[in-house]
Amino acid sequence: GEILHRDISPRNLMYYRSESGTIVGILGDFDLASDASSKDHRTGTLPFIALKLLEEGKCDHLYRHDVKSFFQVLVW
């Protein structure tokens, strides 16, 4: 099924170089992940949580918020 990770941060992103030389990225640490049907929980590493989740009192956690967290990790 569909899963929201909810904690995209540098410590949860890993990579390795395969034997062919290709770099493979891995998203780990799914302890805060949940089924996409339960969207109203806010968890994560504070500096990398999407601002909309922090600013609004009641906001569903959506896939785009995890994408914004990926972007914030890249900028960081």
C-alpha atoms as a PDB file:
ATOM      1  CA  GLY A   1       0.000   0.000   0.000  1.00  0.00           C
ATOM      2  CA  GLU A   2       0.872   3.653   0.131  1.00  0.00           C
ATOM      3  CA  ILE A   3       3.186   4.810   2.912  1.00  0.00           C
ATOM      4  CA  LEU A   4       4.083   8.270   4.199  1.00  0.00           C
ATOM      5  CA  HIS A   5       7.605   8.281   5.650  1.00  0.00           C
ATOM      6  CA  ARG A   6       7.117  11.421   7.824  1.00  0.00           C
ATOM      7  CA  ASP A   7      10.770  11.757   8.852  1.00  0.00           C
ATOM      8  CA  ILE A   8      12.892  12.707   5.831  1.00  0.00           C
ATOM      9  CA  SER A   9      16.220  13.882   7.246  1.00  0.00           C
ATOM     10  CA  PRO A  10      19.927  13.419   6.490  1.00  0.00           C
ATOM     11  CA  ARG A  11      20.256  10.579   8.984  1.00  0.00           C
ATOM     12  CA  ASN A  12      17.534   8.593   7.174  1.00  0.00           C
ATOM     13  CA  LEU A  13      19.068   8.914   3.696  1.00  0.00           C
ATOM     14  CA  MET A  14      21.843   6.576   2.630  1.00  0.00           C
ATOM     15  CA  TYR A  15      23.513   5.635  -0.617  1.00  0.00           C
ATOM     16  CA  TYR A  16      25.990   3.170  -2.019  1.00  0.00           C
ATOM     17  CA  ARG A  17      27.804   2.621  -5.297  1.00  0.00           C
ATOM     18  CA  SER A  18      26.854  -0.626  -7.043  1.00  0.00           C
ATOM     19  CA  GLU A  19      29.395  -2.883  -8.726  1.00  0.00           C
ATOM     20  CA  SER A  20      28.541  -1.239 -12.061  1.00  0.00           C
ATOM     21  CA  GLY A  21      29.343   2.186 -10.584  1.00  0.00           C
ATOM     22  CA  THR A  22      25.740   3.404 -10.334  1.00  0.00           C
ATOM     23  CA  ILE A  23      24.861   5.341  -7.182  1.00  0.00           C
ATOM     24  CA  VAL A  24      21.804   3.883  -5.451  1.00  0.00           C
ATOM     25  CA  GLY A  25      19.860   5.932  -2.873  1.00  0.00           C
ATOM     26  CA  ILE A  26      18.038   4.347   0.056  1.00  0.00           C
ATOM     27  CA  LEU A  27      15.450   5.818   2.400  1.00  0.00           C
ATOM     28  CA  GLY A  28      15.663   4.070   5.759  1.00  0.00           C
ATOM     29  CA  ASP A  29      14.244   4.244   9.271  1.00  0.00           C
ATOM     30  CA  PHE A  30      10.531   3.702   8.805  1.00  0.00           C
ATOM     31  CA  ASP A  31       9.710   3.789  12.538  1.00  0.00           C
ATOM     32  CA  LEU A  32       7.598   6.972  12.131  1.00  0.00           C
ATOM     33  CA  ALA A  33       6.083   5.918   8.800  1.00  0.00           C
ATOM     34  CA  SER A  34       2.394   5.200   8.508  1.00  0.00           C
ATOM     35  CA  ASP A  35      -0.325   4.168   6.122  1.00  0.00           C
ATOM     36  CA  ALA A  36      -1.308   7.052   3.845  1.00  0.00           C
ATOM     37  CA  SER A  37      -4.879   6.870   5.187  1.00  0.00           C
ATOM     38  CA  SER A  38      -3.787   8.329   8.559  1.00  0.00           C
ATOM     39  CA  LYS A  39      -2.647  11.765   7.403  1.00  0.00           C
ATOM     40  CA  ASP A  40      -3.237  13.861  10.507  1.00  0.00           C
ATOM     41  CA  HIS A  41      -0.096  12.985  12.492  1.00  0.00           C
ATOM     42  CA  ARG A  42       2.910  15.322  12.586  1.00  0.00           C
ATOM     43  CA  THR A  43       6.250  13.684  13.224  1.00  0.00           C
ATOM     44  CA  GLY A  44       9.743  14.184  11.922  1.00  0.00           C
ATOM     45  CA  THR A  45      13.011  15.982  12.450  1.00  0.00           C
ATOM     46  CA  LEU A  46      12.074  19.613  13.124  1.00  0.00           C
ATOM     47  CA  PRO A  47      14.424  21.438  10.688  1.00  0.00           C
ATOM     48  CA  PHE A  48      13.185  19.278   7.782  1.00  0.00           C
ATOM     49  CA  ILE A  49       9.411  19.276   8.380  1.00  0.00           C
ATOM     50  CA  ALA A  50       7.404  21.117   5.690  1.00  0.00           C
ATOM     51  CA  LEU A  51       6.528  24.614   6.914  1.00  0.00           C
ATOM     52  CA  LYS A  52       2.831  24.179   6.161  1.00  0.00           C
ATOM     53  CA  LEU A  53       2.682  21.332   8.692  1.00  0.00           C
ATOM     54  CA  LEU A  54       4.282  23.557  11.332  1.00  0.00           C
ATOM     55  CA  GLU A  55       2.308  26.723  10.607  1.00  0.00           C
ATOM     56  CA  GLU A  56      -1.219  25.340  10.406  1.00  0.00           C
ATOM     57  CA  GLY A  57      -2.991  23.957  13.449  1.00  0.00           C
ATOM     58  CA  LYS A  58      -4.693  21.040  11.710  1.00  0.00           C
ATOM     59  CA  CYS A  59      -3.260  19.969   8.357  1.00  0.00           C
ATOM     60  CA  ASP A  60      -3.090  16.548   6.722  1.00  0.00           C
ATOM     61  CA  HIS A  61       0.408  15.178   6.086  1.00  0.00           C
ATOM     62  CA  LEU A  62       0.590  14.592   2.328  1.00  0.00           C
ATOM     63  CA  TYR A  63       3.199  13.164  -0.033  1.00  0.00           C
ATOM     64  CA  ARG A  64       4.152  16.675  -1.134  1.00  0.00           C
ATOM     65  CA  HIS A  65       5.255  17.423   2.427  1.00  0.00           C
ATOM     66  CA  ASP A  66       7.740  14.534   2.274  1.00  0.00           C
ATOM     67  CA  VAL A  67       8.969  15.874  -1.101  1.00  0.00           C
ATOM     68  CA  LYS A  68       9.496  19.304   0.486  1.00  0.00           C
ATOM     69  CA  SER A  69      11.482  17.604   3.263  1.00  0.00           C
ATOM     70  CA  PHE A  70      13.712  15.943   0.613  1.00  0.00           C
ATOM     71  CA  PHE A  71      14.319  19.376  -0.931  1.00  0.00           C
ATOM     72  CA  GLN A  72      15.187  20.878   2.462  1.00  0.00           C
ATOM     73  CA  VAL A  73      17.717  18.083   3.063  1.00  0.00           C
ATOM     74  CA  LEU A  74      19.333  18.797  -0.330  1.00  0.00           C
ATOM     75  CA  VAL A  75      19.603  22.513   0.483  1.00  0.00           C
ATOM     76  CA  TRP A  76      20.961  21.749   3.930  1.00  0.00           C
END
